[in-house]
Amino acid sequence: MIHEFGFGSGKQLVDIPDCVSCTELTANTDVHFTAEDADVKYSLEHPIGSDRLKNIVKKGEKIAIITSDITRPMPTHKVMPALLDELEAGGVDLNDVTLVFALGSHRKQTDEEKRRLAGDHAWKRIHIEDSDPDDCVHMGYTSNGTPVDITRTVAEADRRIALGNIEFHYFAGYSGGVKALMPGVSTRAAIQVNHKLMVRPEACAGRLEGNPVREDIEEAGRMCGVDFVLNVVLDEHKNIVRTVSGDPVAAHREGARCLDMLYTKNIKERADIVIVSQGGAPKDLNLYQTQKALDNAKHAVRDGGIIILIGSCAEGYGEKTFEDWMLNSGSPEELTGRIRKEFILGGHKAAAIGMVLMRAQIYLVSEMDPALVARSFMKPYTSAQDAFDDALASMTESGKGGKDLNDIKVITMPFGGSVLPKLV
């Protein structure tokens, strides 16, 4: 059977022999949504744990709307028309509204990128800008010692509205909610202190309560003040299937429950080979972002197995510190040991890859320089089929305890950043 995996704006194909046991992990098909679930306007009219936004805002107030940058699939352009209508219904002058793209530690965006993400409806009517980590307002410290340093446009606004899509996050539990604020529009130093908490075992995908990273994020959100959130859950084709809006915590929790029903996948055993992709652009723009699919795939592979990670990574590593760590460490063990002694933002992604490499091999199918991939302890490929053929040969190699072809277990995750395998 031929399996398709997103790869940039195109795809990679893998033909898996019928004699090989193969399980595909995709969204649960028994979860049904209505038109109202996906309707942004309906959600704004029926907020969760909050008054309607039009009753919260007032004429003359400065409004900051925080949304995701190009590295995220949040369809900002789809939600902005209804959101701006709601603000105008509350008496807001759209000249007082600014849409701020939350860059976190990512690169600045071009005007063309910002316009495409925001949509022409918003681009022509409101001010739009990237967050600026060099122009922030200090608002105190969380109990963890995380500085709450927020980009000035957001910090000085009268009202703050956070947008985002909800998906599993490998140490914050889930994306969405006030994560748009911290780390979205924070300084690199603030992000680094918050992300240090990722080494704790409670900081993991699918966990909110007791997750130290999420708790720190939401404390920062309370200190700065987020008046309203609008979050969406997307299907595997990036269509909105559920919109939640209202209270920053209550609405987010409802969206997370919806995500669990849709994307938590129970498995009875881990596989010899896991083939995983982020699903294509924009989520596989670089290895820094593609790593998220790898982190979900690690729950599906057995110790000593192989993960075939498929991602264009057209922009390479995507972050300088991450690249330096990946290219200048002696072993995966060195990566993981280093992060515990010296937490550095960017290095945390390298350490996360190191943790996977200590359990399984990684075959990376990408557009990256093969020599650089090899230096990063991964086996480079340009073809997913070649990578799979080599993985299969490795698993069945005689004289090394190889398995019979019929005994090989394969799991495919064509939208690996979304699906969270759970061993039962």
Protein backbone atom coordinates (compact mmCIF):
# COMPACT_ATOMS: atom_id res chain seq x y z
CA MET A 1 0.00 0.00 0.00
CA ILE A 2 1.25 3.48 -0.86
CA HIS A 3 1.26 6.04 1.95
CA GLU A 4 1.48 9.80 1.41
CA PHE A 5 3.34 12.25 3.65
CA GLY A 6 3.36 16.04 3.37
CA PHE A 7 6.74 17.48 2.41
CA GLY A 8 6.84 21.26 2.08
CA SER A 9 4.25 22.14 -0.54
CA GLY A 10 4.53 18.66 -2.06
CA LYS A 11 4.54 15.09 -0.79
CA GLN A 12 6.66 11.99 -0.31
CA LEU A 13 5.34 8.49 -1.09
CA VAL A 14 6.20 5.23 0.65
CA ASP A 15 5.12 1.84 -0.67
CA ILE A 16 4.83 -0.57 2.27
CA PRO A 17 4.62 -4.29 1.40
CA ASP A 18 1.31 -5.97 2.24
CA CYS A 19 3.11 -8.61 4.30
CA VAL A 20 4.33 -5.95 6.75
CA SER A 21 2.01 -5.14 9.64
CA CYS A 22 1.23 -1.44 9.30
CA THR A 23 -0.98 0.81 11.41
CA GLU A 24 -1.76 4.39 10.40
CA LEU A 25 -2.41 6.86 13.21
CA THR A 26 -4.70 9.65 12.12
CA ALA A 27 -7.56 11.56 13.69
CA ASN A 28 -10.31 9.52 15.34
CA THR A 29 -13.14 9.17 12.85
CA ASP A 30 -15.89 8.69 15.43
CA VAL A 31 -15.67 12.31 16.62
CA HIS A 32 -18.35 14.36 14.90
CA PHE A 33 -18.59 18.12 14.59
CA THR A 34 -21.41 20.43 13.58
CA ALA A 35 -21.28 23.57 11.50
CA GLU A 36 -21.73 25.56 14.71
CA ASP A 37 -18.64 23.91 16.25
CA ALA A 38 -16.48 25.33 13.48
CA ASP A 39 -18.24 28.69 13.15
CA VAL A 40 -16.18 31.55 14.54
CA LYS A 41 -19.16 33.89 14.76
CA TYR A 42 -21.18 31.34 16.72
CA SER A 43 -18.32 30.86 19.16
CA LEU A 44 -18.00 34.62 19.71
CA GLU A 45 -21.74 34.74 20.39
CA HIS A 46 -21.45 31.85 22.89
CA PRO A 47 -18.18 32.39 24.82
CA ILE A 48 -17.05 29.93 27.50
CA GLY A 49 -16.72 31.29 31.05
CA SER A 50 -16.87 34.88 29.88
CA ASP A 51 -19.13 37.69 28.76
CA ARG A 52 -19.24 38.41 25.03
CA LEU A 53 -16.24 40.31 23.76
CA LYS A 54 -18.42 43.16 22.52
CA ASN A 55 -19.53 43.69 26.12
CA ILE A 56 -15.96 43.66 27.46
CA VAL A 57 -14.35 46.22 25.13
CA LYS A 58 -15.19 49.93 25.15
CA LYS A 59 -14.97 52.78 22.70
CA GLY A 60 -11.59 54.51 22.77
CA GLU A 61 -9.68 51.51 24.13
CA LYS A 62 -6.47 50.31 22.48
CA ILE A 63 -6.88 46.65 21.48
CA ALA A 64 -4.00 44.22 20.90
CA ILE A 65 -4.79 40.94 19.15
CA ILE A 66 -1.96 38.42 19.48
CA THR A 67 -1.73 35.66 16.90
CA SER A 68 0.67 33.02 15.60
CA ASP A 69 3.49 33.59 13.13
CA ILE A 70 4.33 31.72 9.94
CA THR A 71 5.61 28.64 11.81
CA ARG A 72 2.10 27.78 13.02
CA PRO A 73 -1.00 26.68 11.06
CA MET A 74 -3.34 29.07 12.91
CA PRO A 75 -5.72 30.36 10.16
CA THR A 76 -5.75 33.95 11.38
CA HIS A 77 -7.25 35.17 8.12
CA LYS A 78 -10.32 33.00 8.69
CA VAL A 79 -11.14 34.33 12.16
CA MET A 80 -10.32 38.02 11.76
CA PRO A 81 -13.49 39.15 9.90
CA ALA A 82 -15.85 37.87 12.62
CA LEU A 83 -13.52 39.08 15.37
CA LEU A 84 -13.32 42.60 13.95
CA ASP A 85 -17.11 42.65 13.55
CA GLU A 86 -17.44 41.75 17.24
CA LEU A 87 -15.06 44.54 18.25
CA GLU A 88 -16.91 47.07 16.13
CA ALA A 89 -20.18 45.93 17.69
CA GLY A 90 -18.63 46.90 21.03
CA GLY A 91 -17.89 50.41 19.78
CA VAL A 92 -14.19 49.91 19.03
CA ASP A 93 -12.63 52.07 16.32
CA LEU A 94 -10.53 49.78 14.14
CA ASN A 95 -7.82 52.45 14.07
CA ASP A 96 -7.26 51.47 17.71
CA VAL A 97 -6.70 47.79 16.89
CA THR A 98 -3.28 46.20 16.31
CA LEU A 99 -2.69 42.62 15.23
CA VAL A 100 0.62 41.43 16.69
CA PHE A 101 2.33 38.32 15.35
CA ALA A 102 3.89 36.38 18.22
CA LEU A 103 7.41 35.60 17.05
CA GLY A 104 8.74 34.12 20.29
CA SER A 105 12.34 33.38 19.33
CA HIS A 106 11.56 33.05 15.59
CA ARG A 107 12.69 35.26 12.72
CA LYS A 108 10.89 38.41 11.61
CA GLN A 109 8.35 38.05 8.82
CA THR A 110 8.11 39.82 5.48
CA ASP A 111 5.19 42.13 4.72
CA GLU A 112 3.98 39.59 2.18
CA GLU A 113 3.94 36.86 4.85
CA LYS A 114 2.13 39.08 7.34
CA ARG A 115 -0.49 40.06 4.78
CA ARG A 116 -1.09 36.46 3.76
CA LEU A 117 -1.46 35.31 7.37
CA ALA A 118 -3.71 38.19 8.44
CA GLY A 119 -5.85 38.19 5.30
CA ASP A 120 -6.75 41.19 3.17
CA HIS A 121 -9.81 42.00 5.29
CA ALA A 122 -7.61 42.76 8.32
CA TRP A 123 -4.58 44.00 6.37
CA LYS A 124 -6.57 46.89 4.88
CA ARG A 125 -8.35 47.90 8.10
CA ILE A 126 -6.00 47.61 11.10
CA HIS A 127 -2.36 48.04 12.03
CA ILE A 128 -0.30 44.84 11.79
CA GLU A 129 3.18 44.19 13.19
CA ASP A 130 5.59 41.54 14.48
CA SER A 131 6.34 41.39 18.19
CA ASP A 132 9.61 43.08 19.15
CA PRO A 133 11.69 41.34 21.85
CA ASP A 134 13.92 44.42 22.03
CA ASP A 135 11.07 46.74 23.00
CA CYS A 136 9.29 45.17 25.96
CA VAL A 137 7.70 46.29 29.21
CA HIS A 138 8.75 44.51 32.41
CA MET A 139 5.67 43.55 34.44
CA GLY A 140 7.25 41.56 37.27
CA TYR A 141 8.25 37.95 37.90
CA THR A 142 6.27 34.74 38.22
CA SER A 143 6.74 32.54 41.28
CA ASN A 144 9.15 30.50 39.15
CA GLY A 145 11.27 33.62 38.63
CA THR A 146 10.25 34.02 34.99
CA PRO A 147 10.42 37.69 33.99
CA VAL A 148 7.13 38.84 32.53
CA ASP A 149 8.56 41.01 29.76
CA ILE A 150 5.91 41.71 27.13
CA THR A 151 6.31 43.45 23.79
CA ARG A 152 5.27 47.09 24.26
CA THR A 153 2.27 47.17 21.92
CA VAL A 154 0.67 44.32 23.85
CA ALA A 155 1.74 45.43 27.32
CA GLU A 156 0.39 48.96 26.87
CA ALA A 157 -2.92 47.96 25.29
CA ASP A 158 -6.15 48.39 27.22
CA ARG A 159 -7.39 44.98 26.09
CA ARG A 160 -5.53 41.87 25.01
CA ILE A 161 -7.04 39.10 22.89
CA ALA A 162 -5.06 35.89 22.31
CA LEU A 163 -5.56 33.75 19.20
CA GLY A 164 -4.07 30.37 18.41
CA ASN A 165 -4.66 26.80 17.34
CA ILE A 166 -4.68 24.06 19.97
CA GLU A 167 -2.44 21.05 19.42
CA PHE A 168 -0.27 18.84 21.59
CA HIS A 169 2.94 20.49 22.79
CA TYR A 170 5.81 18.35 23.92
CA PHE A 171 6.40 20.13 27.22
CA ALA A 172 3.67 22.79 27.63
CA GLY A 173 1.01 20.09 27.30
CA TYR A 174 -0.93 21.90 24.60
CA SER A 175 -0.48 25.02 22.50
CA GLY A 176 -3.06 27.78 22.61
CA GLY A 177 -4.51 29.81 25.45
CA VAL A 178 -2.19 32.42 26.91
CA LYS A 179 0.81 30.72 25.30
CA ALA A 180 0.35 33.46 22.68
CA LEU A 181 1.56 35.87 25.37
CA MET A 182 4.27 33.74 27.00
CA PRO A 183 6.41 32.80 25.12
CA GLY A 184 4.74 34.38 22.09
CA VAL A 185 5.43 38.06 22.71
CA SER A 186 8.11 37.74 25.40
CA THR A 187 11.85 38.24 25.48
CA ARG A 188 14.32 35.46 24.79
CA ALA A 189 15.48 35.67 28.42
CA ALA A 190 11.92 35.19 29.69
CA ILE A 191 11.33 32.25 27.36
CA GLN A 192 14.55 30.65 28.52
CA VAL A 193 13.58 30.77 32.20
CA ASN A 194 10.12 29.35 31.46
CA HIS A 195 11.45 26.60 29.21
CA LYS A 196 13.95 25.42 31.83
CA LEU A 197 10.97 23.70 33.40
CA MET A 198 10.77 21.31 30.43
CA VAL A 199 13.22 18.92 32.09
CA ARG A 200 10.67 18.04 34.77
CA PRO A 201 8.74 14.81 34.09
CA GLU A 202 5.38 16.56 34.56
CA ALA A 203 6.17 18.82 31.60
CA CYS A 204 4.88 16.60 28.80
CA ALA A 205 2.44 16.44 25.92
CA GLY A 206 -1.23 16.09 26.82
CA ARG A 207 -0.85 17.30 30.42
CA LEU A 208 -2.14 20.59 31.81
CA GLU A 209 -2.79 20.14 35.52
CA GLY A 210 0.47 19.94 37.42
CA ASN A 211 2.48 20.84 34.31
CA PRO A 212 5.03 23.39 35.57
CA VAL A 213 5.55 24.98 32.14
CA ARG A 214 1.84 25.55 31.57
CA GLU A 215 1.32 26.80 35.12
CA ASP A 216 4.12 29.33 34.68
CA ILE A 217 2.68 30.46 31.35
CA GLU A 218 -0.76 31.02 32.83
CA GLU A 219 0.64 32.87 35.84
CA ALA A 220 2.37 35.24 33.42
CA GLY A 221 -0.93 35.61 31.59
CA ARG A 222 -2.70 36.62 34.80
CA MET A 223 0.00 39.17 35.63
CA CYS A 224 -0.18 40.85 32.23
CA GLY A 225 -3.88 40.29 31.76
CA VAL A 226 -5.52 38.52 28.84
CA ASP A 227 -9.14 39.55 28.41
CA PHE A 228 -10.29 37.00 25.88
CA VAL A 229 -9.02 34.06 23.83
CA LEU A 230 -10.15 32.68 20.51
CA ASN A 231 -8.68 29.26 19.79
CA VAL A 232 -9.34 26.73 17.07
CA VAL A 233 -8.87 22.99 16.68
CA LEU A 234 -7.87 21.97 13.16
CA ASP A 235 -8.34 18.72 11.32
CA GLU A 236 -5.48 17.08 9.46
CA HIS A 237 -6.13 19.26 6.42
CA LYS A 238 -5.94 22.44 8.52
CA ASN A 239 -9.69 23.06 8.41
CA ILE A 240 -11.34 24.48 11.53
CA VAL A 241 -13.50 21.83 13.19
CA ARG A 242 -13.98 23.53 16.56
CA THR A 243 -13.74 27.12 17.72
CA VAL A 244 -13.64 28.02 21.40
CA SER A 245 -13.59 31.53 22.79
CA GLY A 246 -13.94 33.33 26.09
CA ASP A 247 -12.06 32.96 29.37
CA PRO A 248 -8.32 32.35 28.82
CA VAL A 249 -8.31 29.14 30.88
CA ALA A 250 -11.86 27.78 30.65
CA ALA A 251 -12.09 28.15 26.86
CA HIS A 252 -8.64 26.67 26.38
CA ARG A 253 -9.46 23.66 28.53
CA GLU A 254 -12.58 22.95 26.48
CA GLY A 255 -10.51 23.11 23.30
CA ALA A 256 -7.93 20.74 24.79
CA ARG A 257 -10.67 18.23 25.64
CA CYS A 258 -11.84 18.39 22.05
CA LEU A 259 -8.29 17.81 20.83
CA ASP A 260 -7.94 14.76 23.09
CA MET A 261 -11.05 13.19 21.61
CA LEU A 262 -9.83 13.85 18.11
CA TYR A 263 -6.11 13.07 18.24
CA THR A 264 -5.18 10.83 21.18
CA LYS A 265 -4.51 7.40 19.65
CA ASN A 266 -4.28 4.27 21.78
CA ILE A 267 -1.72 1.67 20.67
CA LYS A 268 -1.21 -1.84 22.05
CA GLU A 269 2.50 -2.07 21.23
CA ARG A 270 5.27 0.11 19.93
CA ALA A 271 6.54 -0.33 16.38
CA ASP A 272 9.90 -1.30 14.90
CA ILE A 273 9.63 1.51 12.36
CA VAL A 274 7.66 4.74 12.68
CA ILE A 275 7.25 6.97 9.62
CA VAL A 276 6.22 10.48 10.61
CA SER A 277 5.66 13.85 8.97
CA GLN A 278 4.47 17.23 10.18
CA GLY A 279 2.04 17.19 7.27
CA GLY A 280 3.95 19.64 5.10
CA ALA A 281 4.19 23.43 5.02
CA PRO A 282 4.31 25.56 7.06
CA LYS A 283 5.08 23.17 9.90
CA ASP A 284 8.14 21.55 8.31
CA LEU A 285 9.80 24.81 7.30
CA ASN A 286 12.87 23.93 9.38
CA LEU A 287 14.13 21.22 11.69
CA TYR A 288 13.36 23.38 14.74
CA GLN A 289 9.64 23.02 13.94
CA THR A 290 9.75 19.52 12.42
CA GLN A 291 11.11 18.23 15.74
CA LYS A 292 7.58 18.44 17.17
CA ALA A 293 6.43 15.52 15.01
CA LEU A 294 9.48 13.58 16.13
CA ASP A 295 8.58 14.11 19.76
CA ASN A 296 5.12 12.63 19.24
CA ALA A 297 6.55 9.74 17.23
CA LYS A 298 8.88 8.76 20.07
CA HIS A 299 5.85 7.44 21.97
CA ALA A 300 5.15 4.97 19.14
CA VAL A 301 8.62 3.47 18.52
CA ARG A 302 10.18 0.60 20.47
CA ASP A 303 13.59 0.86 22.05
CA GLY A 304 16.15 0.16 19.32
CA GLY A 305 13.66 1.01 16.58
CA ILE A 306 13.86 3.50 13.71
CA ILE A 307 11.95 6.75 13.21
CA ILE A 308 11.79 8.04 9.64
CA LEU A 309 11.22 11.78 10.06
CA ILE A 310 9.91 13.46 6.91
CA GLY A 311 10.15 17.25 6.66
CA SER A 312 11.31 19.62 3.97
CA CYS A 313 13.39 21.76 6.39
CA ALA A 314 13.96 24.13 3.47
CA GLU A 315 15.26 26.76 5.91
CA GLY A 316 17.70 24.31 7.53
CA TYR A 317 17.90 24.12 11.29
CA GLY A 318 15.84 27.28 11.79
CA GLU A 319 17.61 28.58 14.91
CA LYS A 320 21.27 29.37 15.50
CA THR A 321 21.77 27.94 18.99
CA PHE A 322 19.90 24.78 18.01
CA GLU A 323 22.16 24.43 14.97
CA ASP A 324 25.32 25.02 17.01
CA TRP A 325 24.37 22.35 19.54
CA MET A 326 23.41 19.83 16.88
CA LEU A 327 26.64 20.32 14.95
CA ASN A 328 29.11 20.68 17.80
CA SER A 329 28.21 17.96 20.28
CA GLY A 330 30.03 14.66 20.53
CA SER A 331 27.02 12.43 21.07
CA PRO A 332 23.28 12.39 21.85
CA GLU A 333 24.22 11.74 25.47
CA GLU A 334 26.27 14.93 25.49
CA LEU A 335 23.25 16.88 24.24
CA THR A 336 20.99 15.64 27.00
CA GLY A 337 23.61 16.03 29.71
CA ARG A 338 24.43 19.57 28.64
CA ILE A 339 20.85 20.86 28.90
CA ARG A 340 20.62 19.79 32.54
CA LYS A 341 23.80 21.68 33.40
CA GLU A 342 23.27 24.71 31.18
CA PHE A 343 19.79 25.45 29.90
CA ILE A 344 19.95 27.55 26.73
CA LEU A 345 16.96 28.30 24.52
CA GLY A 346 17.48 26.53 21.20
CA GLY A 347 19.67 23.97 22.90
CA HIS A 348 16.50 22.55 24.44
CA LYS A 349 15.37 21.38 21.00
CA ALA A 350 18.72 19.69 20.41
CA ALA A 351 18.45 17.98 23.79
CA ALA A 352 14.94 16.76 22.93
CA ILE A 353 16.29 15.16 19.75
CA GLY A 354 19.16 13.71 21.77
CA MET A 355 16.70 12.03 24.13
CA VAL A 356 15.01 10.33 21.18
CA LEU A 357 18.35 9.26 19.69
CA MET A 358 19.27 7.51 22.92
CA ARG A 359 16.31 5.16 22.29
CA ALA A 360 16.01 4.93 18.51
CA GLN A 361 17.71 5.77 15.23
CA ILE A 362 16.43 8.72 13.21
CA TYR A 363 16.41 8.70 9.41
CA LEU A 364 15.78 12.29 8.28
CA VAL A 365 14.16 12.83 4.87
CA SER A 366 14.71 16.50 4.05
CA GLU A 367 16.25 19.11 1.76
CA MET A 368 19.08 19.70 4.21
CA ASP A 369 22.76 19.18 3.43
CA PRO A 370 23.35 15.43 4.02
CA ALA A 371 26.72 16.12 5.64
CA LEU A 372 25.10 18.39 8.23
CA VAL A 373 22.38 15.84 8.95
CA ALA A 374 25.00 13.15 9.51
CA ARG A 375 26.89 15.43 11.89
CA SER A 376 23.63 15.74 13.84
CA PHE A 377 23.58 11.97 14.53
CA MET A 378 20.81 11.30 11.98
CA LYS A 379 20.94 9.39 8.70
CA PRO A 380 20.20 11.70 5.73
CA TYR A 381 17.81 10.95 2.86
CA THR A 382 16.02 12.87 0.13
CA SER A 383 13.56 10.02 -0.57
CA ALA A 384 11.21 8.58 2.05
CA GLN A 385 10.99 5.37 0.03
CA ASP A 386 14.77 4.94 0.16
CA ALA A 387 14.74 5.59 3.89
CA PHE A 388 12.02 3.00 4.45
CA ASP A 389 13.72 0.41 2.24
CA ASP A 390 16.93 0.85 4.24
CA ALA A 391 15.07 0.68 7.57
CA LEU A 392 13.34 -2.51 6.48
CA ALA A 393 16.65 -4.03 5.37
CA SER A 394 18.20 -3.11 8.70
CA MET A 395 15.39 -4.76 10.64
CA THR A 396 15.57 -7.99 8.62
CA GLU A 397 19.35 -8.23 8.29
CA SER A 398 20.47 -11.80 8.84
CA GLY A 399 23.20 -12.53 11.33
CA LYS A 400 22.21 -9.60 13.53
CA GLY A 401 19.08 -10.99 15.08
CA GLY A 402 16.99 -9.68 12.22
CA LYS A 403 13.25 -10.24 12.12
CA ASP A 404 11.24 -12.01 9.48
CA LEU A 405 9.51 -9.50 7.18
CA ASN A 406 6.11 -10.71 8.38
CA ASP A 407 7.05 -9.84 11.97
CA ILE A 408 7.97 -6.22 11.31
CA LYS A 409 5.61 -3.68 12.89
CA VAL A 410 5.26 -0.28 11.22
CA ILE A 411 3.32 2.77 12.40
CA THR A 412 2.72 5.71 10.07
CA MET A 413 1.88 9.20 11.31
CA PRO A 414 1.25 11.45 8.28
CA PHE A 415 0.26 14.34 10.58
CA GLY A 416 2.63 13.58 13.41
CA GLY A 417 2.55 16.99 15.02
CA SER A 418 -1.13 16.49 15.77
CA VAL A 419 -1.45 12.85 16.84
CA LEU A 420 -0.34 11.68 20.29
CA PRO A 421 0.16 7.89 20.60
CA LYS A 422 -0.71 6.42 24.00
CA LEU A 423 0.37 2.91 24.98
CA VAL A 424 -2.49 0.99 26.63
